[in-house]
Amino acid sequence: MTAPRHDAAGLFARIRAGQAEISALDARRAQRAAEVNRWINQLARLPEDGPEMPPLPASAPLPIKAAARQCQKSVDTLRRHGKPGGWAWKTGGLWCVDPVGLDAWVRGRGA
């Protein structure tokens, strides 16, 4: 029996088997790359998730006392509902209100 290192036919068979395995891996890699390219093209055709309406321009914040007089609610009510809603906040010891958020809250409350 010939030693494996001297068996030329066996060596060539192992080399061909390795090359076939590499070819199969290359084919699988090409399939995956094609699938990724299909996903990318599919995502490129999707509409953007942008807002339907343009964002409202930022308005100057109102002091909470003036806002309470305008909407005929108490300062405490505006603090209680505005803080979790994000349209009332405290800055440097002074409570302020976003007029757009306050208006939306008042309209939602009246409905």
Protein backbone atom coordinates (compact mmCIF):
# COMPACT_ATOMS: atom_id res chain seq x y z
CA MET A 1 0.00 0.00 0.00
CA THR A 2 1.28 3.45 -0.93
CA ALA A 3 1.66 6.05 1.81
CA PRO A 4 -0.96 8.85 1.56
CA ARG A 5 1.71 11.50 0.95
CA HIS A 6 2.95 9.59 -2.11
CA ASP A 7 -0.50 8.81 -3.53
CA ALA A 8 -0.82 11.34 -6.37
CA ALA A 9 -4.33 10.24 -7.39
CA GLY A 10 -5.62 10.61 -3.81
CA LEU A 11 -3.97 14.01 -3.46
CA PHE A 12 -5.57 15.26 -6.69
CA ALA A 13 -8.94 13.86 -5.58
CA ARG A 14 -8.70 15.75 -2.28
CA ILE A 15 -7.73 18.95 -4.12
CA ARG A 16 -10.70 18.59 -6.51
CA ALA A 17 -13.05 17.92 -3.58
CA GLY A 18 -11.80 21.07 -1.84
CA GLN A 19 -12.25 23.10 -5.02
CA ALA A 20 -15.79 21.77 -5.45
CA GLU A 21 -16.59 22.70 -1.85
CA ILE A 22 -15.23 26.22 -2.39
CA SER A 23 -17.31 26.54 -5.58
CA ALA A 24 -20.44 25.48 -3.69
CA LEU A 25 -19.71 28.06 -0.97
CA ASP A 26 -19.17 30.76 -3.62
CA ALA A 27 -22.51 29.87 -5.25
CA ARG A 28 -24.29 30.07 -1.88
CA ARG A 29 -22.60 33.42 -1.14
CA ALA A 30 -23.74 34.74 -4.55
CA GLN A 31 -27.33 33.64 -3.82
CA ARG A 32 -27.29 35.45 -0.48
CA ALA A 33 -25.82 38.59 -2.06
CA ALA A 34 -28.57 38.53 -4.71
CA GLU A 35 -31.19 38.16 -1.98
CA VAL A 36 -29.74 41.11 -0.05
CA ASN A 37 -29.77 43.19 -3.24
CA ARG A 38 -33.44 42.30 -3.78
CA TRP A 39 -34.22 43.43 -0.21
CA ILE A 40 -32.34 46.69 -0.75
CA ASN A 41 -34.23 47.38 -3.97
CA GLN A 42 -37.51 46.53 -2.26
CA LEU A 43 -36.77 48.91 0.60
CA ALA A 44 -35.76 51.64 -1.84
CA ARG A 45 -39.22 51.49 -3.40
CA LEU A 46 -41.04 51.96 -0.07
CA PRO A 47 -42.39 55.44 0.62
CA GLU A 48 -40.68 57.44 3.32
CA ASP A 49 -42.17 57.57 6.78
CA GLY A 50 -42.17 61.35 6.74
CA PRO A 51 -45.02 63.32 8.25
CA GLU A 52 -48.10 63.92 6.12
CA MET A 53 -48.24 67.56 7.15
CA PRO A 54 -45.29 69.88 7.63
CA PRO A 55 -44.45 70.40 11.29
CA LEU A 56 -45.97 73.42 12.95
CA PRO A 57 -43.58 76.27 13.51
CA ALA A 58 -42.35 76.55 17.05
CA SER A 59 -44.21 79.25 18.92
CA ALA A 60 -42.91 81.32 21.77
CA PRO A 61 -43.76 79.80 25.14
CA LEU A 62 -46.35 81.56 27.28
CA PRO A 63 -46.14 82.04 31.03
CA ILE A 64 -48.56 79.60 32.63
CA LYS A 65 -50.59 82.33 34.35
CA ALA A 66 -51.35 84.06 31.05
CA ALA A 67 -52.26 80.72 29.46
CA ALA A 68 -54.56 79.89 32.39
CA ARG A 69 -56.39 83.19 31.91
CA GLN A 70 -56.76 82.59 28.17
CA CYS A 71 -58.23 79.11 28.43
CA GLN A 72 -60.09 79.79 31.70
CA LYS A 73 -58.49 76.92 33.60
CA SER A 74 -56.48 76.97 36.79
CA VAL A 75 -52.69 77.00 36.83
CA ASP A 76 -52.72 73.71 38.74
CA THR A 77 -54.89 72.07 36.08
CA LEU A 78 -52.51 73.16 33.35
CA ARG A 79 -49.51 71.86 35.30
CA ARG A 80 -51.21 68.55 36.07
CA HIS A 81 -52.20 67.88 32.44
CA GLY A 82 -49.40 69.68 30.64
CA LYS A 83 -46.38 68.11 32.29
CA PRO A 84 -47.13 64.53 31.14
CA GLY A 85 -48.40 65.89 27.81
CA GLY A 86 -45.12 67.68 27.20
CA TRP A 87 -46.63 71.12 26.59
CA ALA A 88 -45.97 72.55 30.08
CA TRP A 89 -42.52 72.70 31.66
CA LYS A 90 -40.60 74.54 34.32
CA THR A 91 -37.64 76.68 33.32
CA GLY A 92 -35.63 78.44 35.98
CA GLY A 93 -38.45 78.47 38.53
CA LEU A 94 -41.02 79.72 35.98
CA TRP A 95 -43.70 77.49 34.46
CA CYS A 96 -44.17 77.92 30.70
CA VAL A 97 -46.70 76.51 28.25
CA ASP A 98 -46.46 75.72 24.55
CA PRO A 99 -49.50 77.46 23.01
CA VAL A 100 -49.90 74.87 20.23
CA GLY A 101 -49.96 71.96 22.70
CA LEU A 102 -52.31 73.86 25.02
CA ASP A 103 -54.68 74.59 22.14
CA ALA A 104 -54.69 70.93 21.09
CA TRP A 105 -55.41 69.89 24.69
CA VAL A 106 -58.28 72.38 25.03
CA ARG A 107 -59.83 71.28 21.71
CA GLY A 108 -59.50 67.61 22.68
CA ARG A 109 -61.04 68.29 26.06
CA GLY A 110 -64.02 70.10 24.56
CA ALA A 111 -64.82 67.34 22.09
